[in-house]
């Protein structure tokens, strides 16, 4: 709505400047094209945004660790969603080549922007296990194959259709919702993994209580070109109690 109204205002100003319209600022039109403030994040979503704590994130991972290929796939999806700050489409379109050279991860993000990330020890271990299982079922597991495969619906239900791609974003959403229900952490949408990454970095502290990541660090990890988006959408909604700490400092 905000973008459309801005286009209408520009058009009306052009009409005014070229003499096709008298000043619209004193006309009833002005009430129809008033400015709306910018909004960030899931402000009008059906379900509120869910920013998991580190404990919630670990509970979500534990819900996947059931010894099955499906559980291994889901754990890898969650770990990559957090470590890479990936959107749902990025997760769905990942290929084996994106993680083959871990700890260096590389994939194509929004607007065909190249993105990179680093994998930690836990993620590297899960990647190795998953690729080993992939190779056992599909000897020619080359880099162009999809990383995340759908579940086989047959007598062997629960197994993965190795080499096949998950074709809809909704399937990714269902995977996360199912694992979140098992973990008891509320509804988790794919973008909540990115929000969780921001919260975990924001709440990380050194032994003396100092932040390990400042705003620019978090924006860099999430590949935000504008740190204001990081602040307003990812950090701002958190209860940071900054003013309470300032009051205690000032005395």
C-alpha atoms as a PDB file:
ATOM      1  CA  UNK A   1       0.000   0.000   0.000  1.00  0.00           C
ATOM      2  CA  UNK A   2       2.794   2.371   0.898  1.00  0.00           C
ATOM      3  CA  UNK A   3       4.539   1.818  -2.451  1.00  0.00           C
ATOM      4  CA  UNK A   4       1.324   2.234  -4.450  1.00  0.00           C
ATOM      5  CA  UNK A   5       0.398   5.459  -2.657  1.00  0.00           C
ATOM      6  CA  UNK A   6       3.861   6.856  -3.306  1.00  0.00           C
ATOM      7  CA  UNK A   7       3.372   6.210  -7.029  1.00  0.00           C
ATOM      8  CA  UNK A   8      -0.027   7.966  -6.929  1.00  0.00           C
ATOM      9  CA  UNK A   9       1.483  11.009  -5.177  1.00  0.00           C
ATOM     10  CA  UNK A  10       4.236  11.258  -7.776  1.00  0.00           C
ATOM     11  CA  UNK A  11       1.652  11.113 -10.561  1.00  0.00           C
ATOM     12  CA  UNK A  12      -0.512  13.819  -8.966  1.00  0.00           C
ATOM     13  CA  UNK A  13       2.518  16.058  -8.485  1.00  0.00           C
ATOM     14  CA  UNK A  14       3.358  15.611 -12.157  1.00  0.00           C
ATOM     15  CA  UNK A  15      -0.233  16.561 -13.051  1.00  0.00           C
ATOM     16  CA  UNK A  16       0.061  19.651 -10.855  1.00  0.00           C
ATOM     17  CA  UNK A  17       3.434  20.673 -12.311  1.00  0.00           C
ATOM     18  CA  UNK A  18       2.232  20.301 -15.900  1.00  0.00           C
ATOM     19  CA  UNK A  19      -1.037  22.181 -15.336  1.00  0.00           C
ATOM     20  CA  UNK A  20      -3.340  19.195 -15.737  1.00  0.00           C
ATOM     21  CA  UNK A  21      -4.587  19.505 -12.166  1.00  0.00           C
ATOM     22  CA  UNK A  22      -4.975  22.272  -9.640  1.00  0.00           C
ATOM     23  CA  UNK A  23      -3.191  21.837  -6.311  1.00  0.00           C
ATOM     24  CA  UNK A  24      -4.359  18.492  -4.989  1.00  0.00           C
ATOM     25  CA  UNK A  25      -3.023  19.221  -1.510  1.00  0.00           C
ATOM     26  CA  UNK A  26      -6.139  21.270  -0.673  1.00  0.00           C
ATOM     27  CA  UNK A  27      -8.556  18.835  -2.276  1.00  0.00           C
ATOM     28  CA  UNK A  28     -10.222  15.687  -0.892  1.00  0.00           C
ATOM     29  CA  UNK A  29      -7.560  13.743  -2.782  1.00  0.00           C
ATOM     30  CA  UNK A  30      -5.072  14.659  -0.090  1.00  0.00           C
ATOM     31  CA  UNK A  31      -6.887  12.482   2.446  1.00  0.00           C
ATOM     32  CA  UNK A  32      -6.673   9.528   0.077  1.00  0.00           C
ATOM     33  CA  UNK A  33      -2.951   9.755  -0.550  1.00  0.00           C
ATOM     34  CA  UNK A  34      -1.676  10.435   2.936  1.00  0.00           C
ATOM     35  CA  UNK A  35       1.650   8.855   3.855  1.00  0.00           C
ATOM     36  CA  UNK A  36       1.909   5.540   5.659  1.00  0.00           C
ATOM     37  CA  UNK A  37       4.906   4.693   7.842  1.00  0.00           C
ATOM     38  CA  UNK A  38       7.267   1.958   6.718  1.00  0.00           C
ATOM     39  CA  UNK A  39       6.750  -1.388   8.427  1.00  0.00           C
ATOM     40  CA  UNK A  40       9.316  -4.107   8.922  1.00  0.00           C
ATOM     41  CA  UNK A  41       8.945  -7.760   9.759  1.00  0.00           C
ATOM     42  CA  UNK A  42       5.891  -9.864  10.355  1.00  0.00           C
ATOM     43  CA  UNK A  43       3.745  -7.012  11.665  1.00  0.00           C
ATOM     44  CA  UNK A  44       0.547  -8.159   9.999  1.00  0.00           C
ATOM     45  CA  UNK A  45       1.161 -11.900   9.714  1.00  0.00           C
ATOM     46  CA  UNK A  46      -1.411 -14.511  10.620  1.00  0.00           C
ATOM     47  CA  UNK A  47       1.056 -15.923  13.136  1.00  0.00           C
ATOM     48  CA  UNK A  48       3.486 -13.726  15.086  1.00  0.00           C
ATOM     49  CA  UNK A  49       7.198 -13.925  14.368  1.00  0.00           C
ATOM     50  CA  UNK A  50       9.020 -16.489  16.498  1.00  0.00           C
ATOM     51  CA  UNK A  51      12.586 -15.680  17.522  1.00  0.00           C
ATOM     52  CA  UNK A  52      13.898 -18.729  19.315  1.00  0.00           C
ATOM     53  CA  UNK A  53      16.415 -18.533  22.127  1.00  0.00           C
ATOM     54  CA  UNK A  54      19.482 -20.761  22.040  1.00  0.00           C
ATOM     55  CA  UNK A  55      17.621 -23.291  24.205  1.00  0.00           C
ATOM     56  CA  UNK A  56      14.658 -23.239  21.822  1.00  0.00           C
ATOM     57  CA  UNK A  57      16.970 -23.710  18.843  1.00  0.00           C
ATOM     58  CA  UNK A  58      18.626 -26.704  20.488  1.00  0.00           C
ATOM     59  CA  UNK A  59      15.214 -28.191  21.316  1.00  0.00           C
ATOM     60  CA  UNK A  60      14.231 -27.833  17.657  1.00  0.00           C
ATOM     61  CA  UNK A  61      17.384 -29.675  16.589  1.00  0.00           C
ATOM     62  CA  UNK A  62      16.781 -32.402  19.162  1.00  0.00           C
ATOM     63  CA  UNK A  63      13.285 -32.956  17.707  1.00  0.00           C
ATOM     64  CA  UNK A  64      14.942 -33.970  14.428  1.00  0.00           C
ATOM     65  CA  UNK A  65      17.467 -36.392  15.905  1.00  0.00           C
ATOM     66  CA  UNK A  66      15.405 -39.574  15.589  1.00  0.00           C
ATOM     67  CA  UNK A  67      17.920 -41.669  13.652  1.00  0.00           C
ATOM     68  CA  UNK A  68      16.090 -41.461  10.304  1.00  0.00           C
ATOM     69  CA  UNK A  69      17.137 -39.950   6.992  1.00  0.00           C
ATOM     70  CA  UNK A  70      14.147 -37.621   7.227  1.00  0.00           C
ATOM     71  CA  UNK A  71      15.283 -36.405  10.628  1.00  0.00           C
ATOM     72  CA  UNK A  72      18.807 -35.856   9.336  1.00  0.00           C
ATOM     73  CA  UNK A  73      17.450 -33.849   6.413  1.00  0.00           C
ATOM     74  CA  UNK A  74      15.301 -31.716   8.695  1.00  0.00           C
ATOM     75  CA  UNK A  75      18.181 -31.054  11.100  1.00  0.00           C
ATOM     76  CA  UNK A  76      20.370 -29.966   8.187  1.00  0.00           C
ATOM     77  CA  UNK A  77      17.615 -27.683   6.898  1.00  0.00           C
ATOM     78  CA  UNK A  78      17.229 -25.987  10.286  1.00  0.00           C
ATOM     79  CA  UNK A  79      20.958 -25.614  10.849  1.00  0.00           C
ATOM     80  CA  UNK A  80      21.466 -24.084   7.402  1.00  0.00           C
ATOM     81  CA  UNK A  81      18.474 -21.790   7.842  1.00  0.00           C
ATOM     82  CA  UNK A  82      20.039 -20.362  10.996  1.00  0.00           C
ATOM     83  CA  UNK A  83      23.748 -20.428  10.107  1.00  0.00           C
ATOM     84  CA  UNK A  84      23.155 -18.983   6.643  1.00  0.00           C
ATOM     85  CA  UNK A  85      20.188 -16.759   7.461  1.00  0.00           C
ATOM     86  CA  UNK A  86      18.450 -18.297   4.459  1.00  0.00           C
ATOM     87  CA  UNK A  87      15.007 -17.489   3.104  1.00  0.00           C
ATOM     88  CA  UNK A  88      12.581 -20.286   2.300  1.00  0.00           C
ATOM     89  CA  UNK A  89      13.223 -20.149  -1.450  1.00  0.00           C
ATOM     90  CA  UNK A  90      16.966 -20.264  -0.879  1.00  0.00           C
ATOM     91  CA  UNK A  91      16.564 -23.378   1.267  1.00  0.00           C
ATOM     92  CA  UNK A  92      14.342 -25.091  -1.279  1.00  0.00           C
ATOM     93  CA  UNK A  93      16.685 -24.346  -4.191  1.00  0.00           C
ATOM     94  CA  UNK A  94      19.935 -25.357  -2.482  1.00  0.00           C
ATOM     95  CA  UNK A  95      22.068 -27.864  -4.326  1.00  0.00           C
ATOM     96  CA  UNK A  96      24.675 -30.322  -3.089  1.00  0.00           C
ATOM     97  CA  UNK A  97      27.358 -28.018  -4.468  1.00  0.00           C
ATOM     98  CA  UNK A  98      26.356 -25.283  -2.010  1.00  0.00           C
ATOM     99  CA  UNK A  99      27.556 -27.354   0.971  1.00  0.00           C
ATOM    100  CA  UNK A 100      30.052 -29.763  -0.583  1.00  0.00           C
ATOM    101  CA  UNK A 101      33.013 -27.563   0.363  1.00  0.00           C
ATOM    102  CA  UNK A 102      32.045 -26.944   3.984  1.00  0.00           C
ATOM    103  CA  UNK A 103      32.993 -25.035   6.085  1.00  0.00           C
ATOM    104  CA  UNK A 104      32.685 -22.665   3.107  1.00  0.00           C
ATOM    105  CA  UNK A 105      29.044 -22.413   2.005  1.00  0.00           C
ATOM    106  CA  UNK A 106      28.038 -20.607  -1.173  1.00  0.00           C
ATOM    107  CA  UNK A 107      24.655 -20.218  -2.838  1.00  0.00           C
ATOM    108  CA  UNK A 108      22.485 -17.771  -4.777  1.00  0.00           C
ATOM    109  CA  UNK A 109      20.215 -15.563  -2.706  1.00  0.00           C
ATOM    110  CA  UNK A 110      17.486 -13.023  -3.330  1.00  0.00           C
ATOM    111  CA  UNK A 111      17.710 -11.138  -6.653  1.00  0.00           C
ATOM    112  CA  UNK A 112      20.429 -13.580  -7.794  1.00  0.00           C
ATOM    113  CA  UNK A 113      22.831 -12.125  -5.241  1.00  0.00           C
ATOM    114  CA  UNK A 114      25.752 -14.460  -4.414  1.00  0.00           C
ATOM    115  CA  UNK A 115      25.781 -15.316  -0.728  1.00  0.00           C
ATOM    116  CA  UNK A 116      28.322 -17.063   1.473  1.00  0.00           C
ATOM    117  CA  UNK A 117      28.503 -18.341   5.034  1.00  0.00           C
ATOM    118  CA  UNK A 118      30.728 -20.402   7.306  1.00  0.00           C
ATOM    119  CA  UNK A 119      29.693 -23.718   8.824  1.00  0.00           C
ATOM    120  CA  UNK A 120      30.533 -24.558  12.427  1.00  0.00           C
ATOM    121  CA  UNK A 121      31.606 -27.997  13.684  1.00  0.00           C
ATOM    122  CA  UNK A 122      28.054 -29.214  14.342  1.00  0.00           C
ATOM    123  CA  UNK A 123      26.817 -28.188  10.905  1.00  0.00           C
ATOM    124  CA  UNK A 124      29.888 -29.699   9.197  1.00  0.00           C
ATOM    125  CA  UNK A 125      29.222 -33.035  10.919  1.00  0.00           C
ATOM    126  CA  UNK A 126      25.564 -33.079   9.821  1.00  0.00           C
ATOM    127  CA  UNK A 127      26.512 -32.140   6.250  1.00  0.00           C
ATOM    128  CA  UNK A 128      28.996 -35.017   6.142  1.00  0.00           C
ATOM    129  CA  UNK A 129      26.455 -37.535   7.446  1.00  0.00           C
ATOM    130  CA  UNK A 130      23.772 -36.378   5.034  1.00  0.00           C
ATOM    131  CA  UNK A 131      26.033 -36.448   1.974  1.00  0.00           C
ATOM    132  CA  UNK A 132      27.213 -39.930   2.943  1.00  0.00           C
ATOM    133  CA  UNK A 133      23.595 -41.120   3.028  1.00  0.00           C
ATOM    134  CA  UNK A 134      22.980 -39.376  -0.290  1.00  0.00           C
ATOM    135  CA  UNK A 135      25.913 -41.205  -1.890  1.00  0.00           C
ATOM    136  CA  UNK A 136      24.736 -44.556  -0.512  1.00  0.00           C
ATOM    137  CA  UNK A 137      21.377 -44.205  -2.251  1.00  0.00           C
ATOM    138  CA  UNK A 138      22.552 -42.352  -5.359  1.00  0.00           C
ATOM    139  CA  UNK A 139      26.088 -43.104  -6.509  1.00  0.00           C
ATOM    140  CA  UNK A 140      26.187 -40.144  -8.914  1.00  0.00           C
ATOM    141  CA  UNK A 141      25.422 -37.466  -6.328  1.00  0.00           C
ATOM    142  CA  UNK A 142      26.859 -34.553  -8.295  1.00  0.00           C
ATOM    143  CA  UNK A 143      26.854 -30.903  -7.251  1.00  0.00           C
ATOM    144  CA  UNK A 144      23.825 -29.880  -9.338  1.00  0.00           C
ATOM    145  CA  UNK A 145      21.401 -32.226  -7.560  1.00  0.00           C
ATOM    146  CA  UNK A 146      18.948 -30.707  -5.048  1.00  0.00           C
ATOM    147  CA  UNK A 147      20.124 -30.866  -1.468  1.00  0.00           C
ATOM    148  CA  UNK A 148      16.737 -31.374   0.198  1.00  0.00           C
ATOM    149  CA  UNK A 149      14.616 -34.235  -1.106  1.00  0.00           C
ATOM    150  CA  UNK A 150      10.924 -34.996  -0.471  1.00  0.00           C
ATOM    151  CA  UNK A 151       9.634 -37.987   1.480  1.00  0.00           C
ATOM    152  CA  UNK A 152       8.724 -41.087  -0.481  1.00  0.00           C
ATOM    153  CA  UNK A 153       4.985 -41.849  -0.327  1.00  0.00           C
ATOM    154  CA  UNK A 154       4.779 -45.621  -0.746  1.00  0.00           C
ATOM    155  CA  UNK A 155       5.269 -48.774   1.246  1.00  0.00           C
ATOM    156  CA  UNK A 156       8.613 -47.309   2.261  1.00  0.00           C
ATOM    157  CA  UNK A 157       7.018 -44.201   3.707  1.00  0.00           C
ATOM    158  CA  UNK A 158       9.434 -42.007   5.610  1.00  0.00           C
ATOM    159  CA  UNK A 159      12.335 -42.612   3.235  1.00  0.00           C
ATOM    160  CA  UNK A 160      13.578 -39.836   1.003  1.00  0.00           C
ATOM    161  CA  UNK A 161      13.294 -39.676  -2.771  1.00  0.00           C
ATOM    162  CA  UNK A 162      16.997 -39.080  -3.250  1.00  0.00           C
ATOM    163  CA  UNK A 163      17.856 -36.885  -6.208  1.00  0.00           C
ATOM    164  CA  UNK A 164      14.369 -35.374  -6.406  1.00  0.00           C
ATOM    165  CA  UNK A 165      13.649 -31.776  -5.462  1.00  0.00           C
ATOM    166  CA  UNK A 166      11.134 -30.315  -3.025  1.00  0.00           C
ATOM    167  CA  UNK A 167       8.993 -28.262  -5.402  1.00  0.00           C
ATOM    168  CA  UNK A 168       7.042 -25.896  -3.137  1.00  0.00           C
ATOM    169  CA  UNK A 169       7.895 -23.500  -0.327  1.00  0.00           C
ATOM    170  CA  UNK A 170       4.862 -24.792   1.533  1.00  0.00           C
ATOM    171  CA  UNK A 171       6.575 -28.169   1.906  1.00  0.00           C
ATOM    172  CA  UNK A 172       9.473 -26.470   3.724  1.00  0.00           C
ATOM    173  CA  UNK A 173       6.972 -24.689   5.981  1.00  0.00           C
ATOM    174  CA  UNK A 174       5.279 -27.979   6.854  1.00  0.00           C
ATOM    175  CA  UNK A 175       8.612 -29.605   7.723  1.00  0.00           C
ATOM    176  CA  UNK A 176       9.436 -26.814  10.170  1.00  0.00           C
ATOM    177  CA  UNK A 177       5.940 -26.682  11.640  1.00  0.00           C
ATOM    178  CA  UNK A 178       6.006 -30.436  12.281  1.00  0.00           C
ATOM    179  CA  UNK A 179       9.396 -30.366  13.987  1.00  0.00           C
ATOM    180  CA  UNK A 180       8.467 -27.280  16.009  1.00  0.00           C
ATOM    181  CA  UNK A 181       5.332 -29.036  17.255  1.00  0.00           C
ATOM    182  CA  UNK A 182       7.440 -31.987  18.420  1.00  0.00           C
ATOM    183  CA  UNK A 183       9.899 -29.640  20.144  1.00  0.00           C
ATOM    184  CA  UNK A 184       7.104 -27.629  21.773  1.00  0.00           C
ATOM    185  CA  UNK A 185       8.534 -24.246  20.727  1.00  0.00           C
ATOM    186  CA  UNK A 186       5.447 -22.875  19.005  1.00  0.00           C
ATOM    187  CA  UNK A 187       4.939 -22.342  15.302  1.00  0.00           C
ATOM    188  CA  UNK A 188       8.209 -21.780  13.425  1.00  0.00           C
ATOM    189  CA  UNK A 189       8.111 -20.324   9.912  1.00  0.00           C
ATOM    190  CA  UNK A 190      11.128 -20.558   7.595  1.00  0.00           C
ATOM    191  CA  UNK A 191      11.989 -16.884   8.070  1.00  0.00           C
ATOM    192  CA  UNK A 192      11.904 -17.408  11.833  1.00  0.00           C
ATOM    193  CA  UNK A 193      15.195 -19.277  11.417  1.00  0.00           C
ATOM    194  CA  UNK A 194      16.778 -16.039  10.223  1.00  0.00           C
ATOM    195  CA  UNK A 195      15.162 -14.145  13.093  1.00  0.00           C
ATOM    196  CA  UNK A 196      16.498 -16.782  15.474  1.00  0.00           C
ATOM    197  CA  UNK A 197      20.012 -16.261  14.110  1.00  0.00           C
ATOM    198  CA  UNK A 198      19.714 -12.525  14.794  1.00  0.00           C
ATOM    199  CA  UNK A 199      18.459 -13.103  18.332  1.00  0.00           C
ATOM    200  CA  UNK A 200      21.156 -15.627  19.186  1.00  0.00           C
ATOM    201  CA  UNK A 201      23.898 -13.289  17.940  1.00  0.00           C
ATOM    202  CA  UNK A 202      22.350 -10.334  19.761  1.00  0.00           C
ATOM    203  CA  UNK A 203      22.169 -12.248  23.045  1.00  0.00           C
ATOM    204  CA  UNK A 204      25.661 -13.776  22.797  1.00  0.00           C
ATOM    205  CA  UNK A 205      27.914 -12.354  25.526  1.00  0.00           C
ATOM    206  CA  UNK A 206      31.527 -12.611  26.523  1.00  0.00           C
ATOM    207  CA  UNK A 207      32.541 -13.573  30.063  1.00  0.00           C
ATOM    208  CA  UNK A 208      32.444  -9.926  31.127  1.00  0.00           C
ATOM    209  CA  UNK A 209      28.933  -9.436  29.716  1.00  0.00           C
ATOM    210  CA  UNK A 210      29.874  -7.552  26.551  1.00  0.00           C
ATOM    211  CA  UNK A 211      28.084  -8.179  23.256  1.00  0.00           C
ATOM    212  CA  UNK A 212      29.994 -10.506  20.934  1.00  0.00           C
ATOM    213  CA  UNK A 213      28.172  -9.078  17.890  1.00  0.00           C
ATOM    214  CA  UNK A 214      27.175  -5.466  17.318  1.00  0.00           C
ATOM    215  CA  UNK A 215      24.487  -4.322  14.868  1.00  0.00           C
ATOM    216  CA  UNK A 216      26.842  -4.131  11.890  1.00  0.00           C
ATOM    217  CA  UNK A 217      28.174  -7.627  12.639  1.00  0.00           C
ATOM    218  CA  UNK A 218      24.664  -9.073  12.639  1.00  0.00           C
ATOM    219  CA  UNK A 219      23.744  -7.227   9.435  1.00  0.00           C
ATOM    220  CA  UNK A 220      26.903  -8.595   7.791  1.00  0.00           C
ATOM    221  CA  UNK A 221      26.160 -12.194   8.781  1.00  0.00           C
ATOM    222  CA  UNK A 222      22.571 -11.884   7.533  1.00  0.00           C
ATOM    223  CA  UNK A 223      23.741 -10.147   4.328  1.00  0.00           C
ATOM    224  CA  UNK A 224      21.632  -7.030   4.930  1.00  0.00           C
ATOM    225  CA  UNK A 225      22.872  -4.095   2.866  1.00  0.00           C
ATOM    226  CA  UNK A 226      20.964  -1.711   5.155  1.00  0.00           C
ATOM    227  CA  UNK A 227      21.570  -2.173   8.926  1.00  0.00           C
ATOM    228  CA  UNK A 228      18.310  -0.293   9.581  1.00  0.00           C
ATOM    229  CA  UNK A 229      16.416  -3.356   8.354  1.00  0.00           C
ATOM    230  CA  UNK A 230      18.397  -5.489  10.804  1.00  0.00           C
ATOM    231  CA  UNK A 231      17.566  -3.154  13.670  1.00  0.00           C
ATOM    232  CA  UNK A 232      13.885  -2.546  12.910  1.00  0.00           C
ATOM    233  CA  UNK A 233      12.916  -6.049  11.818  1.00  0.00           C
ATOM    234  CA  UNK A 234      15.246  -8.399  13.671  1.00  0.00           C
ATOM    235  CA  UNK A 235      16.674  -6.654  16.741  1.00  0.00           C
ATOM    236  CA  UNK A 236      14.113  -3.937  17.514  1.00  0.00           C
ATOM    237  CA  UNK A 237      11.249  -6.259  18.530  1.00  0.00           C
ATOM    238  CA  UNK A 238      13.428  -7.959  21.168  1.00  0.00           C
ATOM    239  CA  UNK A 239      13.148  -6.915  24.814  1.00  0.00           C
ATOM    240  CA  UNK A 240      16.633  -5.473  25.085  1.00  0.00           C
ATOM    241  CA  UNK A 241      15.922  -3.389  28.222  1.00  0.00           C
ATOM    242  CA  UNK A 242      18.370  -0.767  26.946  1.00  0.00           C
ATOM    243  CA  UNK A 243      16.601   2.103  28.689  1.00  0.00           C
ATOM    244  CA  UNK A 244      16.527   0.234  32.004  1.00  0.00           C
ATOM    245  CA  UNK A 245      20.272  -0.365  31.805  1.00  0.00           C
ATOM    246  CA  UNK A 246      20.862   3.263  30.857  1.00  0.00           C
ATOM    247  CA  UNK A 247      18.828   4.434  33.857  1.00  0.00           C
ATOM    248  CA  UNK A 248      20.893   2.256  36.164  1.00  0.00           C
ATOM    249  CA  UNK A 249      24.099   3.638  34.653  1.00  0.00           C
ATOM    250  CA  UNK A 250      23.061   7.293  34.941  1.00  0.00           C
ATOM    251  CA  UNK A 251      21.897   6.901  38.522  1.00  0.00           C
END
